[in-house]
Amino acid sequence: MPTTTRRPEITAFDADERLRWVERVARLLDSQFQLPGTQFRFGLDPLLGLVPVVGDLSTTLVSVALLLTMLRHGASGAVVVRMALNILIDTVVGAIPILGSIFDFTFKSNERNVALLRRHYAQGQHTGSGKGLILVVLVLFVAVAGLVAWGSVALLHWLWLAMEGHTSW
């Protein structure tokens, strides 16, 4: 009797090229690289986060772009709000010197968001209306504006110290 091999079921998430793109970018940001000899994985997010303000701002903007793509492809308002909170936590805590860099290596907000959307698709709830978009954009705008303000104050403080002749912070 011949044995048949079961082919894995292709989900609506996997069939949509744009959502697979979201998953690839999330992996690049959160877990593309592996520390040799360990199971520890990290991505570009914590590496870019080492560059004050610009690094955190750039990864936040990419995360927001991923979120908007997921929103356009059926994420409900409740899931979008949870995703936005993941990005907000990553942005705010990631902006804290030293602690934020360590946090960025472990939190992986983009992969958390992809997992939320995958579960959402698996449950057949991916026909959201996108009502959460206004709230999400507002929350993320406040987060990004706060990060820019923090960076500006830090830069002005550093310039003031440099003009005064201080050699350390």
N, C-alpha and C. Protein backbone atom coordinates (compact mmCIF):
# COMPACT_ATOMS: atom_id res chain seq x y z
N MET A 1 0.85 -1.18 0.00
CA MET A 1 0.00 0.00 0.00
C MET A 1 0.89 1.24 0.00
N PRO A 2 0.75 2.08 -0.99
CA PRO A 2 1.62 3.26 -1.06
C PRO A 2 1.29 4.23 0.06
N THR A 3 2.35 4.83 0.55
CA THR A 3 2.16 5.84 1.58
C THR A 3 2.03 7.20 0.92
N THR A 4 1.16 7.96 1.45
CA THR A 4 1.00 9.32 0.91
C THR A 4 1.61 10.29 1.90
N THR A 5 2.29 11.23 1.37
CA THR A 5 2.87 12.25 2.24
C THR A 5 1.90 13.41 2.31
N ARG A 6 1.69 13.86 3.53
CA ARG A 6 0.80 15.00 3.72
C ARG A 6 1.53 16.27 3.40
N ARG A 7 0.91 17.04 2.58
CA ARG A 7 1.48 18.34 2.26
C ARG A 7 0.97 19.32 3.30
N PRO A 8 1.86 20.18 3.78
CA PRO A 8 1.39 21.16 4.76
C PRO A 8 0.32 22.06 4.14
N GLU A 9 -0.67 22.34 4.94
CA GLU A 9 -1.76 23.20 4.46
C GLU A 9 -1.24 24.62 4.26
N ILE A 10 -1.57 25.17 3.14
CA ILE A 10 -1.17 26.56 2.87
C ILE A 10 -2.27 27.46 3.38
N THR A 11 -1.90 28.32 4.31
CA THR A 11 -2.89 29.22 4.89
C THR A 11 -3.02 30.48 4.05
N ALA A 12 -4.07 31.23 4.31
CA ALA A 12 -4.27 32.50 3.61
C ALA A 12 -3.09 33.44 3.88
N PHE A 13 -2.52 33.34 5.09
CA PHE A 13 -1.37 34.18 5.42
C PHE A 13 -0.21 33.84 4.51
N ASP A 14 0.09 32.53 4.38
CA ASP A 14 1.23 32.09 3.56
C ASP A 14 1.02 32.35 2.08
N ALA A 15 -0.23 32.36 1.64
CA ALA A 15 -0.52 32.56 0.23
C ALA A 15 -0.38 34.03 -0.20
N ASP A 16 -0.40 34.93 0.74
CA ASP A 16 -0.33 36.36 0.42
C ASP A 16 1.13 36.81 0.44
N GLU A 17 1.64 37.15 -0.71
CA GLU A 17 3.05 37.54 -0.84
C GLU A 17 3.40 38.75 0.03
N ARG A 18 2.48 39.69 0.17
CA ARG A 18 2.76 40.88 0.98
C ARG A 18 2.93 40.53 2.45
N LEU A 19 2.17 39.55 2.92
CA LEU A 19 2.31 39.14 4.32
C LEU A 19 3.57 38.31 4.52
N ARG A 20 3.96 37.55 3.52
CA ARG A 20 5.25 36.83 3.62
C ARG A 20 6.39 37.84 3.63
N TRP A 21 6.23 38.96 2.90
CA TRP A 21 7.24 40.03 2.92
C TRP A 21 7.33 40.61 4.33
N VAL A 22 6.19 40.83 4.97
CA VAL A 22 6.17 41.34 6.35
C VAL A 22 6.94 40.39 7.25
N GLU A 23 6.70 39.09 7.08
CA GLU A 23 7.37 38.10 7.91
C GLU A 23 8.89 38.12 7.68
N ARG A 24 9.32 38.28 6.44
CA ARG A 24 10.77 38.33 6.14
C ARG A 24 11.42 39.57 6.75
N VAL A 25 10.76 40.71 6.63
CA VAL A 25 11.32 41.95 7.20
C VAL A 25 11.36 41.85 8.73
N ALA A 26 10.31 41.29 9.33
CA ALA A 26 10.29 41.11 10.79
C ALA A 26 11.45 40.23 11.23
N ARG A 27 11.71 39.18 10.48
CA ARG A 27 12.84 38.29 10.82
C ARG A 27 14.16 39.05 10.69
N LEU A 28 14.31 39.84 9.64
CA LEU A 28 15.53 40.63 9.45
C LEU A 28 15.75 41.57 10.64
N LEU A 29 14.70 42.20 11.10
CA LEU A 29 14.82 43.14 12.21
C LEU A 29 15.05 42.45 13.56
N ASP A 30 14.47 41.25 13.74
CA ASP A 30 14.46 40.65 15.07
C ASP A 30 15.33 39.40 15.26
N SER A 31 15.54 38.59 14.22
CA SER A 31 16.24 37.32 14.48
C SER A 31 17.01 36.77 13.29
N GLN A 32 17.48 37.59 12.42
CA GLN A 32 18.18 37.14 11.21
C GLN A 32 19.51 36.44 11.53
N PHE A 33 20.19 36.87 12.55
CA PHE A 33 21.53 36.38 12.84
C PHE A 33 21.53 35.52 14.09
N GLN A 34 22.46 34.55 14.12
CA GLN A 34 22.57 33.68 15.29
C GLN A 34 23.97 33.81 15.86
N LEU A 35 24.05 33.95 17.17
CA LEU A 35 25.33 33.99 17.85
C LEU A 35 25.95 32.60 17.75
N PRO A 36 27.13 32.47 17.15
CA PRO A 36 27.72 31.14 16.94
C PRO A 36 27.82 30.33 18.24
N GLY A 37 27.46 29.07 18.12
CA GLY A 37 27.55 28.16 19.26
C GLY A 37 26.40 28.27 20.25
N THR A 38 25.40 29.10 19.93
CA THR A 38 24.25 29.27 20.83
C THR A 38 22.97 29.22 20.02
N GLN A 39 21.85 29.23 20.70
CA GLN A 39 20.55 29.35 20.06
C GLN A 39 20.07 30.80 20.03
N PHE A 40 20.89 31.73 20.55
CA PHE A 40 20.51 33.14 20.65
C PHE A 40 20.50 33.79 19.27
N ARG A 41 19.38 34.40 18.94
CA ARG A 41 19.21 35.05 17.65
C ARG A 41 18.93 36.55 17.86
N PHE A 42 19.37 37.35 16.92
CA PHE A 42 19.12 38.79 16.97
C PHE A 42 19.06 39.30 15.54
N GLY A 43 18.56 40.51 15.40
CA GLY A 43 18.42 41.10 14.07
C GLY A 43 19.02 42.50 14.02
N LEU A 44 18.60 43.25 13.02
CA LEU A 44 19.12 44.60 12.84
C LEU A 44 18.61 45.59 13.87
N ASP A 45 17.43 45.34 14.45
CA ASP A 45 16.84 46.27 15.41
C ASP A 45 17.80 46.62 16.55
N PRO A 46 18.35 45.66 17.27
CA PRO A 46 19.25 46.03 18.36
C PRO A 46 20.56 46.63 17.86
N LEU A 47 21.00 46.23 16.69
CA LEU A 47 22.25 46.80 16.15
C LEU A 47 22.04 48.27 15.77
N LEU A 48 20.94 48.55 15.07
CA LEU A 48 20.66 49.94 14.70
C LEU A 48 20.34 50.78 15.92
N GLY A 49 19.77 50.14 16.95
CA GLY A 49 19.44 50.84 18.19
C GLY A 49 20.67 51.38 18.91
N LEU A 50 21.84 50.87 18.55
CA LEU A 50 23.08 51.37 19.16
C LEU A 50 23.42 52.78 18.67
N VAL A 51 22.82 53.17 17.53
CA VAL A 51 23.01 54.53 17.01
C VAL A 51 21.93 55.39 17.65
N PRO A 52 22.31 56.32 18.53
CA PRO A 52 21.29 57.12 19.24
C PRO A 52 20.32 57.81 18.29
N VAL A 53 19.09 57.82 18.64
CA VAL A 53 17.96 58.48 17.98
C VAL A 53 17.71 57.95 16.57
N VAL A 54 18.67 58.10 15.67
CA VAL A 54 18.47 57.71 14.28
C VAL A 54 18.18 56.21 14.16
N GLY A 55 18.92 55.38 14.90
CA GLY A 55 18.71 53.94 14.84
C GLY A 55 17.34 53.55 15.35
N ASP A 56 16.97 54.06 16.52
CA ASP A 56 15.66 53.74 17.10
C ASP A 56 14.52 54.27 16.24
N LEU A 57 14.70 55.47 15.71
CA LEU A 57 13.66 56.07 14.87
C LEU A 57 13.48 55.25 13.59
N SER A 58 14.57 54.82 12.97
CA SER A 58 14.46 54.08 11.72
C SER A 58 13.78 52.73 11.93
N THR A 59 14.13 52.01 12.99
CA THR A 59 13.49 50.72 13.22
C THR A 59 12.02 50.89 13.62
N THR A 60 11.69 51.97 14.31
CA THR A 60 10.29 52.23 14.65
C THR A 60 9.49 52.50 13.38
N LEU A 61 10.04 53.26 12.47
CA LEU A 61 9.33 53.57 11.22
C LEU A 61 9.11 52.30 10.39
N VAL A 62 10.09 51.41 10.35
CA VAL A 62 9.91 50.15 9.63
C VAL A 62 8.83 49.31 10.31
N SER A 63 8.83 49.28 11.64
CA SER A 63 7.81 48.53 12.38
C SER A 63 6.42 49.09 12.10
N VAL A 64 6.29 50.41 12.01
CA VAL A 64 5.01 51.04 11.70
C VAL A 64 4.58 50.67 10.28
N ALA A 65 5.53 50.65 9.34
CA ALA A 65 5.20 50.25 7.97
C ALA A 65 4.69 48.81 7.93
N LEU A 66 5.32 47.93 8.69
CA LEU A 66 4.86 46.54 8.77
C LEU A 66 3.45 46.49 9.36
N LEU A 67 3.23 47.26 10.41
CA LEU A 67 1.92 47.30 11.05
C LEU A 67 0.84 47.78 10.08
N LEU A 68 1.11 48.82 9.34
CA LEU A 68 0.13 49.34 8.39
C LEU A 68 -0.16 48.31 7.30
N THR A 69 0.86 47.57 6.87
CA THR A 69 0.64 46.50 5.88
C THR A 69 -0.27 45.43 6.46
N MET A 70 -0.02 45.04 7.72
CA MET A 70 -0.86 44.03 8.36
C MET A 70 -2.29 44.55 8.53
N LEU A 71 -2.42 45.82 8.83
CA LEU A 71 -3.74 46.42 9.00
C LEU A 71 -4.52 46.38 7.70
N ARG A 72 -3.85 46.69 6.60
CA ARG A 72 -4.52 46.69 5.30
C ARG A 72 -4.92 45.29 4.86
N HIS A 73 -4.34 44.28 5.48
CA HIS A 73 -4.63 42.90 5.07
C HIS A 73 -5.44 42.14 6.10
N GLY A 74 -6.29 42.85 6.82
CA GLY A 74 -7.31 42.18 7.60
C GLY A 74 -7.13 42.10 9.09
N ALA A 75 -6.10 42.68 9.66
CA ALA A 75 -5.97 42.64 11.11
C ALA A 75 -7.09 43.48 11.72
N SER A 76 -7.74 42.93 12.73
CA SER A 76 -8.83 43.66 13.37
C SER A 76 -8.28 44.77 14.26
N GLY A 77 -9.17 45.66 14.68
CA GLY A 77 -8.76 46.77 15.54
C GLY A 77 -8.09 46.31 16.82
N ALA A 78 -8.63 45.24 17.46
CA ALA A 78 -8.05 44.75 18.72
C ALA A 78 -6.64 44.23 18.52
N VAL A 79 -6.42 43.49 17.43
CA VAL A 79 -5.08 42.96 17.15
C VAL A 79 -4.13 44.09 16.81
N VAL A 80 -4.60 45.06 16.06
CA VAL A 80 -3.75 46.20 15.68
C VAL A 80 -3.32 46.99 16.91
N VAL A 81 -4.23 47.16 17.85
CA VAL A 81 -3.87 47.88 19.08
C VAL A 81 -2.80 47.10 19.85
N ARG A 82 -2.94 45.78 19.93
CA ARG A 82 -1.91 44.97 20.61
C ARG A 82 -0.57 45.09 19.88
N MET A 83 -0.60 45.09 18.56
CA MET A 83 0.63 45.24 17.77
C MET A 83 1.26 46.62 18.02
N ALA A 84 0.42 47.64 18.04
CA ALA A 84 0.93 49.00 18.28
C ALA A 84 1.56 49.10 19.66
N LEU A 85 0.96 48.44 20.65
CA LEU A 85 1.55 48.45 21.99
C LEU A 85 2.91 47.76 22.00
N ASN A 86 3.06 46.68 21.25
CA ASN A 86 4.37 46.03 21.14
C ASN A 86 5.40 47.00 20.57
N ILE A 87 5.02 47.73 19.53
CA ILE A 87 5.94 48.69 18.91
C ILE A 87 6.24 49.83 19.88
N LEU A 88 5.21 50.30 20.58
CA LEU A 88 5.41 51.39 21.54
C LEU A 88 6.36 50.97 22.65
N ILE A 89 6.16 49.78 23.21
CA ILE A 89 7.05 49.28 24.26
C ILE A 89 8.48 49.19 23.73
N ASP A 90 8.63 48.62 22.53
CA ASP A 90 9.95 48.47 21.93
C ASP A 90 10.61 49.84 21.72
N THR A 91 9.83 50.81 21.27
CA THR A 91 10.37 52.15 21.00
C THR A 91 10.77 52.88 22.28
N VAL A 92 9.89 52.87 23.26
CA VAL A 92 10.13 53.63 24.48
C VAL A 92 11.27 53.00 25.30
N VAL A 93 11.17 51.71 25.55
CA VAL A 93 12.22 51.07 26.36
C VAL A 93 13.52 51.00 25.57
N GLY A 94 13.43 50.77 24.25
CA GLY A 94 14.62 50.71 23.41
C GLY A 94 15.39 52.02 23.35
N ALA A 95 14.74 53.14 23.65
CA ALA A 95 15.40 54.44 23.61
C ALA A 95 16.21 54.75 24.87
N ILE A 96 16.04 53.93 25.90
CA ILE A 96 16.79 54.15 27.14
C ILE A 96 18.23 53.67 26.94
N PRO A 97 19.21 54.51 27.19
CA PRO A 97 20.60 54.10 26.99
C PRO A 97 20.94 52.84 27.81
N ILE A 98 21.71 51.99 27.25
CA ILE A 98 22.22 50.73 27.77
C ILE A 98 21.08 49.73 28.01
N LEU A 99 20.13 50.02 28.90
CA LEU A 99 19.02 49.13 29.16
C LEU A 99 18.23 48.86 27.87
N GLY A 100 18.01 49.90 27.09
CA GLY A 100 17.26 49.76 25.84
C GLY A 100 17.97 48.87 24.84
N SER A 101 19.29 48.95 24.79
CA SER A 101 20.05 48.10 23.88
C SER A 101 19.91 46.63 24.27
N ILE A 102 19.98 46.35 25.55
CA ILE A 102 19.80 44.98 26.04
C ILE A 102 18.38 44.51 25.75
N PHE A 103 17.41 45.37 26.01
CA PHE A 103 16.00 45.05 25.77
C PHE A 103 15.75 44.72 24.30
N ASP A 104 16.36 45.50 23.39
CA ASP A 104 16.16 45.29 21.95
C ASP A 104 16.63 43.90 21.50
N PHE A 105 17.60 43.34 22.19
CA PHE A 105 18.09 42.01 21.82
C PHE A 105 17.11 40.91 22.21
N THR A 106 16.17 41.21 23.12
CA THR A 106 15.29 40.16 23.62
C THR A 106 13.81 40.32 23.29
N PHE A 107 13.31 41.52 23.12
CA PHE A 107 11.86 41.73 23.02
C PHE A 107 11.26 41.29 21.68
N LYS A 108 11.86 41.64 20.56
CA LYS A 108 11.44 41.20 19.23
C LYS A 108 9.97 41.53 18.91
N SER A 109 9.65 42.79 18.93
CA SER A 109 8.26 43.22 18.73
C SER A 109 7.70 42.86 17.36
N ASN A 110 8.52 42.89 16.33
CA ASN A 110 8.01 42.60 14.99
C ASN A 110 7.62 41.14 14.85
N GLU A 111 8.41 40.24 15.40
CA GLU A 111 8.05 38.82 15.34
C GLU A 111 6.84 38.53 16.21
N ARG A 112 6.70 39.25 17.32
CA ARG A 112 5.49 39.11 18.14
C ARG A 112 4.26 39.52 17.32
N ASN A 113 4.40 40.59 16.56
CA ASN A 113 3.28 41.08 15.77
C ASN A 113 2.92 40.11 14.64
N VAL A 114 3.92 39.53 14.00
CA VAL A 114 3.64 38.54 12.96
C VAL A 114 2.93 37.33 13.57
N ALA A 115 3.37 36.90 14.76
CA ALA A 115 2.72 35.77 15.44
C ALA A 115 1.26 36.10 15.77
N LEU A 116 1.01 37.33 16.21
CA LEU A 116 -0.37 37.75 16.48
C LEU A 116 -1.22 37.66 15.21
N LEU A 117 -0.67 38.14 14.10
CA LEU A 117 -1.43 38.12 12.85
C LEU A 117 -1.63 36.69 12.36
N ARG A 118 -0.62 35.84 12.49
CA ARG A 118 -0.76 34.43 12.09
C ARG A 118 -1.89 33.76 12.88
N ARG A 119 -1.92 33.99 14.21
CA ARG A 119 -3.01 33.41 15.02
C ARG A 119 -4.36 33.97 14.58
N HIS A 120 -4.38 35.24 14.28
CA HIS A 120 -5.59 35.91 13.81
C HIS A 120 -6.09 35.25 12.52
N TYR A 121 -5.18 34.99 11.59
CA TYR A 121 -5.53 34.32 10.34
C TYR A 121 -5.97 32.88 10.60
N ALA A 122 -5.26 32.16 11.47
CA ALA A 122 -5.59 30.77 11.76
C ALA A 122 -6.99 30.64 12.35
N GLN A 123 -7.42 31.65 13.09
CA GLN A 123 -8.76 31.64 13.70
C GLN A 123 -9.82 32.14 12.73
N GLY A 124 -9.41 32.52 11.53
CA GLY A 124 -10.36 33.00 10.53
C GLY A 124 -10.92 34.38 10.82
N GLN A 125 -10.18 35.18 11.56
CA GLN A 125 -10.66 36.50 11.95
C GLN A 125 -9.96 37.63 11.20
N HIS A 126 -9.42 37.33 10.04
CA HIS A 126 -8.61 38.31 9.33
C HIS A 126 -9.41 39.19 8.37
N THR A 127 -10.58 39.54 8.75
CA THR A 127 -11.39 40.43 7.92
C THR A 127 -11.69 41.73 8.65
N GLY A 128 -10.74 42.17 9.43
CA GLY A 128 -10.94 43.39 10.21
C GLY A 128 -11.19 44.59 9.34
N SER A 129 -11.77 45.58 9.93
CA SER A 129 -12.15 46.77 9.17
C SER A 129 -11.07 47.84 9.19
N GLY A 130 -10.08 47.69 10.04
CA GLY A 130 -9.05 48.71 10.13
C GLY A 130 -9.46 49.90 10.95
N LYS A 131 -10.50 49.75 11.79
CA LYS A 131 -10.98 50.86 12.61
C LYS A 131 -9.91 51.36 13.58
N GLY A 132 -8.99 50.49 13.93
CA GLY A 132 -7.96 50.86 14.89
C GLY A 132 -6.88 51.74 14.30
N LEU A 133 -6.95 52.02 13.01
CA LEU A 133 -5.90 52.77 12.34
C LEU A 133 -5.67 54.15 12.95
N ILE A 134 -6.71 54.88 13.22
CA ILE A 134 -6.55 56.24 13.75
C ILE A 134 -5.85 56.20 15.11
N LEU A 135 -6.29 55.30 15.99
CA LEU A 135 -5.67 55.16 17.30
C LEU A 135 -4.21 54.74 17.17
N VAL A 136 -3.95 53.79 16.30
CA VAL A 136 -2.58 53.31 16.10
C VAL A 136 -1.68 54.43 15.61
N VAL A 137 -2.11 55.14 14.61
CA VAL A 137 -1.30 56.22 14.06
C VAL A 137 -1.05 57.28 15.12
N LEU A 138 -2.05 57.60 15.91
CA LEU A 138 -1.90 58.60 16.97
C LEU A 138 -0.89 58.14 18.02
N VAL A 139 -1.03 56.91 18.49
CA VAL A 139 -0.11 56.39 19.52
C VAL A 139 1.32 56.33 18.99
N LEU A 140 1.48 55.84 17.78
CA LEU A 140 2.82 55.73 17.22
C LEU A 140 3.41 57.11 16.92
N PHE A 141 2.59 58.04 16.49
CA PHE A 141 3.08 59.39 16.26
C PHE A 141 3.60 60.00 17.55
N VAL A 142 2.86 59.81 18.64
CA VAL A 142 3.30 60.33 19.93
C VAL A 142 4.62 59.67 20.34
N ALA A 143 4.73 58.36 20.12
CA ALA A 143 5.97 57.65 20.47
C ALA A 143 7.16 58.17 19.67
N VAL A 144 6.97 58.31 18.38
CA VAL A 144 8.06 58.78 17.52
C VAL A 144 8.41 60.23 17.86
N ALA A 145 7.40 61.07 18.08
CA ALA A 145 7.65 62.47 18.44
C ALA A 145 8.40 62.54 19.77
N GLY A 146 8.03 61.69 20.71
CA GLY A 146 8.74 61.65 21.99
C GLY A 146 10.19 61.24 21.83
N LEU A 147 10.43 60.26 20.97
CA LEU A 147 11.80 59.81 20.72
C LEU A 147 12.62 60.93 20.08
N VAL A 148 12.03 61.61 19.11
CA VAL A 148 12.73 62.72 18.47
C VAL A 148 13.00 63.83 19.47
N ALA A 149 12.03 64.16 20.32
CA ALA A 149 12.22 65.20 21.33
C ALA A 149 13.32 64.80 22.30
N TRP A 150 13.29 63.54 22.75
CA TRP A 150 14.33 63.06 23.66
C TRP A 150 15.71 63.18 23.02
N GLY A 151 15.81 62.76 21.76
CA GLY A 151 17.08 62.83 21.05
C GLY A 151 17.55 64.26 20.86
N SER A 152 16.63 65.14 20.59
CA SER A 152 16.99 66.56 20.41
C SER A 152 17.52 67.15 21.71
N VAL A 153 16.85 66.86 22.81
CA VAL A 153 17.31 67.36 24.11
C VAL A 153 18.69 66.78 24.44
N ALA A 154 18.88 65.49 24.19
CA ALA A 154 20.17 64.87 24.47
C ALA A 154 21.27 65.49 23.61
N LEU A 155 20.96 65.74 22.33
CA LEU A 155 21.94 66.35 21.44
C LEU A 155 22.28 67.77 21.88
N LEU A 156 21.27 68.55 22.24
CA LEU A 156 21.52 69.92 22.71
C LEU A 156 22.34 69.91 24.01
N HIS A 157 22.03 68.97 24.89
CA HIS A 157 22.79 68.85 26.13
C HIS A 157 24.26 68.52 25.83
N TRP A 158 24.48 67.60 24.92
CA TRP A 158 25.85 67.21 24.55
C TRP A 158 26.58 68.40 23.92
N LEU A 159 25.91 69.14 23.02
CA LEU A 159 26.54 70.31 22.40
C LEU A 159 26.87 71.38 23.43
N TRP A 160 25.98 71.59 24.39
CA TRP A 160 26.24 72.57 25.45
C TRP A 160 27.46 72.16 26.26
N LEU A 161 27.53 70.90 26.62
CA LEU A 161 28.70 70.41 27.37
C LEU A 161 29.98 70.54 26.56
N ALA A 162 29.90 70.26 25.28
CA ALA A 162 31.08 70.38 24.42
C ALA A 162 31.53 71.83 24.31
N MET A 163 30.59 72.76 24.22
CA MET A 163 30.94 74.17 24.12
C MET A 163 31.54 74.68 25.43
N GLU A 164 31.13 74.10 26.53
CA GLU A 164 31.66 74.49 27.84
C GLU A 164 33.03 73.86 28.10
N GLY A 165 33.44 72.96 27.23
CA GLY A 165 34.75 72.34 27.39
C GLY A 165 34.76 71.07 28.22
N HIS A 166 33.60 70.54 28.52
CA HIS A 166 33.54 69.27 29.26
C HIS A 166 33.93 68.13 28.33
N THR A 167 34.73 67.22 28.81
CA THR A 167 35.17 66.11 27.98
C THR A 167 34.34 64.86 28.19
N SER A 168 33.49 64.85 29.22
CA SER A 168 32.64 63.68 29.44
C SER A 168 31.22 64.15 29.74
N TRP A 169 30.28 63.25 29.67
CA TRP A 169 28.87 63.57 29.92
C TRP A 169 28.69 63.65 31.39
